[in-house]
Amino acid sequence: MSIDLSGRTAFITGASRGIGEAAARIMAGYGANVVLAARSSGDIGRIASDIGDKALAVTCDVAQYGDFEAAIAKTVEHFGSLDILVNNAGVIDPIAGIAESDPAAWGQVVDINFKGVYHGLRASLPRMKDNGGGVIINISSGAATGALEGWSHYCSTKAAVLSLTRCAHQEHQGDNIRVVGLSPGTVATDMQRAIRTSGVNPVSQLDWAKHIPAEWAGEAIAWLATDAGRPYDGDDFSLKTDEAKRAVGLIG
């Protein structure tokens, strides 16, 4: 399938590395304007400079609604529209059992992984509705439907994000706004290095070669932004199967 995102503007959180960076570079390659958002400006500024005029770097702490609202306003001011939102920002540290967990750190994961997605939805949905439609892609995980030792914060926030995907789809499918989740499987990113270092639960024991490259997740995000992704609206699209990888064009 040939992907064409020309004339569309994508706002990507957690864009300083990993899946977010890969999505920004890949979507720009398919013609989209891309806005790279992260809490600090250094890496996103460098990546945006690499991409060129189609890219804009904006600082945004997704845990703060005011930051998100201001970043979306800058996006529309700079590129004229907001067509695609990729809620990618997420953390897993500190990994710990519930009984040993730090309440403040646990709550910070909720602020980023769960409330950050809500903030993105809240800031973007009215603008997309006024603009006649759009696509929102929430990065999910198999952890949304499975329990893993040491990951109570991550599993529960990803389950909450899946519920947000379903709620937003139900509320806005009539507004030509597509809301879909991507469950990419394990990806070779810094998060996986933290998981491996923790030594907690079977995911930490996986051979590094089992993890897909961040670019595969970026390609899946670009693919979901097209009409090909419509059958998965209101739910998670899992990239774990060969069938899914073929659909995206990652394998023959």
Protein backbone atom coordinates (compact mmCIF):
# COMPACT_ATOMS: atom_id res chain seq x y z
CA MET A 1 0.00 0.00 0.00
CA SER A 2 1.25 3.46 -0.90
CA ILE A 3 0.91 5.89 2.03
CA ASP A 4 0.32 9.56 1.27
CA LEU A 5 -0.02 11.98 4.19
CA SER A 6 0.56 15.12 2.13
CA GLY A 7 -1.22 18.20 3.43
CA ARG A 8 -1.87 16.67 6.85
CA THR A 9 -0.35 17.74 10.15
CA ALA A 10 0.56 15.20 12.83
CA PHE A 11 1.27 16.07 16.47
CA ILE A 12 3.42 13.41 18.18
CA THR A 13 4.12 13.25 21.91
CA GLY A 14 7.22 11.61 23.34
CA ALA A 15 8.97 12.47 20.07
CA SER A 16 12.50 12.86 21.39
CA ARG A 17 13.41 9.20 20.83
CA GLY A 18 12.11 5.70 20.21
CA ILE A 19 8.69 5.24 18.65
CA GLY A 20 7.89 8.97 18.68
CA GLU A 21 11.03 9.94 16.80
CA ALA A 22 10.56 7.11 14.32
CA ALA A 23 6.93 8.10 13.69
CA ALA A 24 7.89 11.73 13.11
CA ARG A 25 10.59 10.88 10.58
CA ILE A 26 8.45 8.30 8.78
CA MET A 27 5.30 10.42 8.61
CA ALA A 28 7.30 13.38 7.31
CA GLY A 29 8.68 11.03 4.68
CA TYR A 30 5.11 10.32 3.62
CA GLY A 31 4.45 14.03 3.18
CA ALA A 32 2.99 15.07 6.54
CA ASN A 33 3.87 18.13 8.54
CA VAL A 34 5.03 16.85 11.93
CA VAL A 35 5.08 18.48 15.34
CA LEU A 36 7.50 16.86 17.75
CA ALA A 37 6.54 17.31 21.39
CA ALA A 38 8.55 16.45 24.50
CA ARG A 39 9.29 17.91 27.92
CA SER A 40 12.74 19.17 26.90
CA SER A 41 13.69 20.89 23.68
CA GLY A 42 17.17 19.54 22.89
CA ASP A 43 16.48 16.26 21.10
CA ILE A 44 13.24 17.32 19.41
CA GLY A 45 14.95 20.46 18.14
CA ARG A 46 17.73 18.37 16.60
CA ILE A 47 15.28 15.91 15.03
CA ALA A 48 13.07 18.69 13.67
CA SER A 49 16.16 20.33 12.14
CA ASP A 50 17.06 17.01 10.49
CA ILE A 51 13.57 16.70 9.01
CA GLY A 52 13.43 20.28 7.76
CA ASP A 53 10.62 22.73 7.07
CA LYS A 54 7.93 20.10 7.54
CA ALA A 55 8.82 19.78 11.24
CA LEU A 56 8.20 21.90 14.31
CA ALA A 57 9.52 21.20 17.82
CA VAL A 58 7.41 22.26 20.81
CA THR A 59 8.04 21.65 24.49
CA CYS A 60 5.07 20.02 26.19
CA ASP A 61 4.66 18.18 29.48
CA VAL A 62 1.68 15.97 28.68
CA ALA A 63 0.90 15.71 32.39
CA GLN A 64 -0.01 19.42 32.33
CA TYR A 65 -3.18 20.20 30.39
CA GLY A 66 -2.16 23.83 29.87
CA ASP A 67 1.04 22.70 28.16
CA PHE A 68 -0.89 20.45 25.80
CA GLU A 69 -3.46 23.10 24.95
CA ALA A 70 -0.73 25.65 24.21
CA ALA A 71 1.23 23.19 22.06
CA ILE A 72 -1.84 22.36 19.98
CA ALA A 73 -2.50 26.08 19.51
CA LYS A 74 1.08 26.56 18.25
CA THR A 75 0.58 23.64 15.87
CA VAL A 76 -2.53 25.15 14.30
CA GLU A 77 -0.93 28.60 14.16
CA HIS A 78 2.18 27.25 12.41
CA PHE A 79 0.71 24.68 10.02
CA GLY A 80 -2.93 25.76 9.80
CA SER A 81 -4.54 22.54 11.03
CA LEU A 82 -4.30 19.51 13.29
CA ASP A 83 -5.18 16.31 11.45
CA ILE A 84 -3.42 13.51 13.35
CA LEU A 85 -2.60 13.16 17.04
CA VAL A 86 -0.22 10.42 18.20
CA ASN A 87 -0.43 9.96 21.98
CA ASN A 88 2.89 8.18 22.37
CA ALA A 89 4.47 9.62 25.53
CA GLY A 90 4.75 6.99 28.24
CA VAL A 91 6.99 5.75 31.05
CA ILE A 92 7.44 2.52 32.99
CA ASP A 93 9.98 3.46 35.67
CA PRO A 94 10.12 2.80 38.53
CA ILE A 95 9.31 -0.90 38.16
CA ALA A 96 8.25 -2.25 41.57
CA GLY A 97 5.75 -4.45 43.31
CA ILE A 98 2.67 -2.68 44.63
CA ALA A 99 3.63 -3.21 48.27
CA GLU A 100 7.07 -1.65 47.72
CA SER A 101 6.05 1.07 45.25
CA ASP A 102 6.49 4.77 45.89
CA PRO A 103 3.05 6.45 45.82
CA ALA A 104 4.34 9.70 44.30
CA ALA A 105 6.26 7.91 41.55
CA TRP A 106 3.28 5.61 40.88
CA GLY A 107 1.05 8.66 40.56
CA GLN A 108 3.47 10.35 38.17
CA VAL A 109 3.13 7.38 35.81
CA VAL A 110 -0.65 7.86 35.94
CA ASP A 111 -0.20 11.57 35.13
CA ILE A 112 1.89 10.82 32.05
CA ASN A 113 0.53 7.54 30.70
CA PHE A 114 -3.18 8.04 31.40
CA LYS A 115 -3.93 11.69 32.08
CA GLY A 116 -1.50 12.67 29.32
CA VAL A 117 -3.65 10.80 26.80
CA TYR A 118 -6.81 12.39 28.19
CA HIS A 119 -5.18 15.81 27.92
CA GLY A 120 -4.34 15.11 24.28
CA LEU A 121 -7.90 14.04 23.55
CA ARG A 122 -9.39 17.03 25.36
CA ALA A 123 -7.12 19.54 23.61
CA SER A 124 -7.49 18.01 20.15
CA LEU A 125 -11.05 16.75 19.78
CA PRO A 126 -12.78 20.16 19.62
CA ARG A 127 -10.31 21.41 17.01
CA MET A 128 -10.67 18.27 14.92
CA LYS A 129 -14.44 18.46 15.14
CA ASP A 130 -14.40 22.07 13.96
CA ASN A 131 -12.00 21.07 11.17
CA GLY A 132 -14.28 18.30 9.89
CA GLY A 133 -12.40 15.30 11.23
CA GLY A 134 -9.08 13.77 12.15
CA VAL A 135 -7.27 10.70 13.44
CA ILE A 136 -6.09 10.01 16.98
CA ILE A 137 -3.70 7.11 17.57
CA ASN A 138 -3.10 6.09 21.18
CA ILE A 139 -0.07 3.90 21.84
CA SER A 140 -1.30 0.93 23.80
CA SER A 141 0.25 -2.35 24.90
CA GLY A 142 -0.50 -6.00 25.53
CA ALA A 143 -0.22 -4.86 29.15
CA ALA A 144 -3.62 -3.21 28.72
CA THR A 145 -5.27 -6.63 28.97
CA GLY A 146 -2.65 -8.60 30.90
CA ALA A 147 -1.19 -8.43 34.39
CA LEU A 148 2.58 -8.49 34.91
CA GLU A 149 4.59 -8.49 38.11
CA GLY A 150 6.07 -5.09 38.93
CA TRP A 151 4.04 -3.32 36.28
CA SER A 152 0.86 -2.38 38.17
CA HIS A 153 1.27 1.26 37.16
CA TYR A 154 1.95 0.46 33.50
CA CYS A 155 -0.69 -2.28 33.09
CA SER A 156 -3.44 -0.25 34.73
CA THR A 157 -2.67 2.96 32.85
CA LYS A 158 -2.57 1.15 29.51
CA ALA A 159 -5.91 -0.50 30.37
CA ALA A 160 -7.26 2.97 31.08
CA VAL A 161 -5.94 4.24 27.74
CA LEU A 162 -7.72 1.42 25.92
CA SER A 163 -10.93 2.47 27.67
CA LEU A 164 -10.34 6.09 26.61
CA THR A 165 -9.87 4.93 23.01
CA ARG A 166 -13.21 3.14 23.13
CA CYS A 167 -15.02 6.05 24.82
CA ALA A 168 -13.63 8.67 22.43
CA HIS A 169 -14.55 6.49 19.45
CA GLN A 170 -18.09 6.10 20.70
CA GLU A 171 -18.48 9.83 21.29
CA HIS A 172 -16.86 11.11 18.08
CA GLN A 173 -17.23 8.55 15.30
CA GLY A 174 -20.10 10.67 13.99
CA ASP A 175 -17.75 13.66 13.72
CA ASN A 176 -15.45 11.90 11.22
CA ILE A 177 -12.84 11.57 13.98
CA ARG A 178 -11.14 8.20 14.09
CA VAL A 179 -9.69 7.01 17.41
CA VAL A 180 -7.59 3.85 17.40
CA GLY A 181 -4.94 2.23 19.57
CA LEU A 182 -1.68 0.62 18.50
CA SER A 183 -0.33 -2.29 20.51
CA PRO A 184 3.09 -2.75 18.90
CA GLY A 185 4.45 -5.58 21.01
CA THR A 186 7.91 -5.25 22.49
CA VAL A 187 10.02 -2.58 20.79
CA ALA A 188 13.78 -2.06 20.93
CA THR A 189 13.76 1.25 22.81
CA ASP A 190 15.18 2.71 26.01
CA MET A 191 12.06 1.48 27.82
CA GLN A 192 12.98 -2.09 26.96
CA ARG A 193 16.49 -1.49 28.32
CA ALA A 194 14.95 -0.36 31.62
CA ILE A 195 12.74 -3.45 31.65
CA ARG A 196 15.72 -5.70 30.97
CA THR A 197 17.74 -4.07 33.75
CA SER A 198 14.90 -4.59 36.23
CA GLY A 199 15.03 -8.37 35.86
CA VAL A 200 11.34 -8.44 36.85
CA ASN A 201 8.78 -10.68 35.07
CA PRO A 202 9.31 -12.66 31.83
CA VAL A 203 9.47 -9.63 29.55
CA SER A 204 12.82 -8.66 31.07
CA GLN A 205 14.22 -12.04 30.04
CA LEU A 206 13.39 -11.75 26.34
CA ASP A 207 16.22 -11.96 23.85
CA TRP A 208 16.88 -8.45 22.45
CA ALA A 209 16.45 -9.85 18.94
CA LYS A 210 12.78 -10.56 19.75
CA HIS A 211 11.99 -6.83 19.97
CA ILE A 212 10.86 -5.06 16.80
CA PRO A 213 12.64 -1.87 15.70
CA ALA A 214 10.99 1.44 16.56
CA GLU A 215 10.69 2.10 12.82
CA TRP A 216 8.20 -0.76 12.49
CA ALA A 217 5.97 0.89 15.08
CA GLY A 218 6.40 4.19 13.23
CA GLU A 219 5.30 2.58 9.97
CA ALA A 220 2.26 1.10 11.73
CA ILE A 221 1.32 4.54 13.05
CA ALA A 222 1.52 6.03 9.55
CA TRP A 223 -0.55 3.13 8.19
CA LEU A 224 -3.22 3.53 10.89
CA ALA A 225 -3.52 7.19 9.94
CA THR A 226 -4.80 6.12 6.50
CA ASP A 227 -8.16 4.62 5.60
CA ALA A 228 -6.57 1.17 5.82
CA GLY A 229 -6.73 1.50 9.59
CA ARG A 230 -10.47 2.15 9.74
CA PRO A 231 -11.48 -1.47 10.58
CA TYR A 232 -9.65 -1.10 13.89
CA ASP A 233 -11.26 2.17 15.01
CA GLY A 234 -12.38 2.12 18.62
CA ASP A 235 -10.02 -0.67 19.62
CA ASP A 236 -6.35 -1.68 19.62
CA PHE A 237 -4.58 -2.84 16.49
CA SER A 238 -1.96 -5.41 17.52
CA LEU A 239 1.23 -5.57 15.49
CA LYS A 240 2.28 -8.87 17.06
CA THR A 241 0.99 -11.22 14.36
CA ASP A 242 2.49 -11.89 10.94
CA GLU A 243 -0.88 -11.01 9.42
CA ALA A 244 -0.73 -7.55 10.97
CA LYS A 245 2.87 -7.02 9.88
CA ARG A 246 1.94 -7.98 6.32
CA ALA A 247 -0.99 -5.55 6.34
CA VAL A 248 1.35 -2.72 7.28
CA GLY A 249 3.89 -3.90 4.71
CA LEU A 250 6.64 -4.81 7.15
CA ILE A 251 7.05 -8.38 5.92
CA GLY A 252 6.24 -10.13 2.67
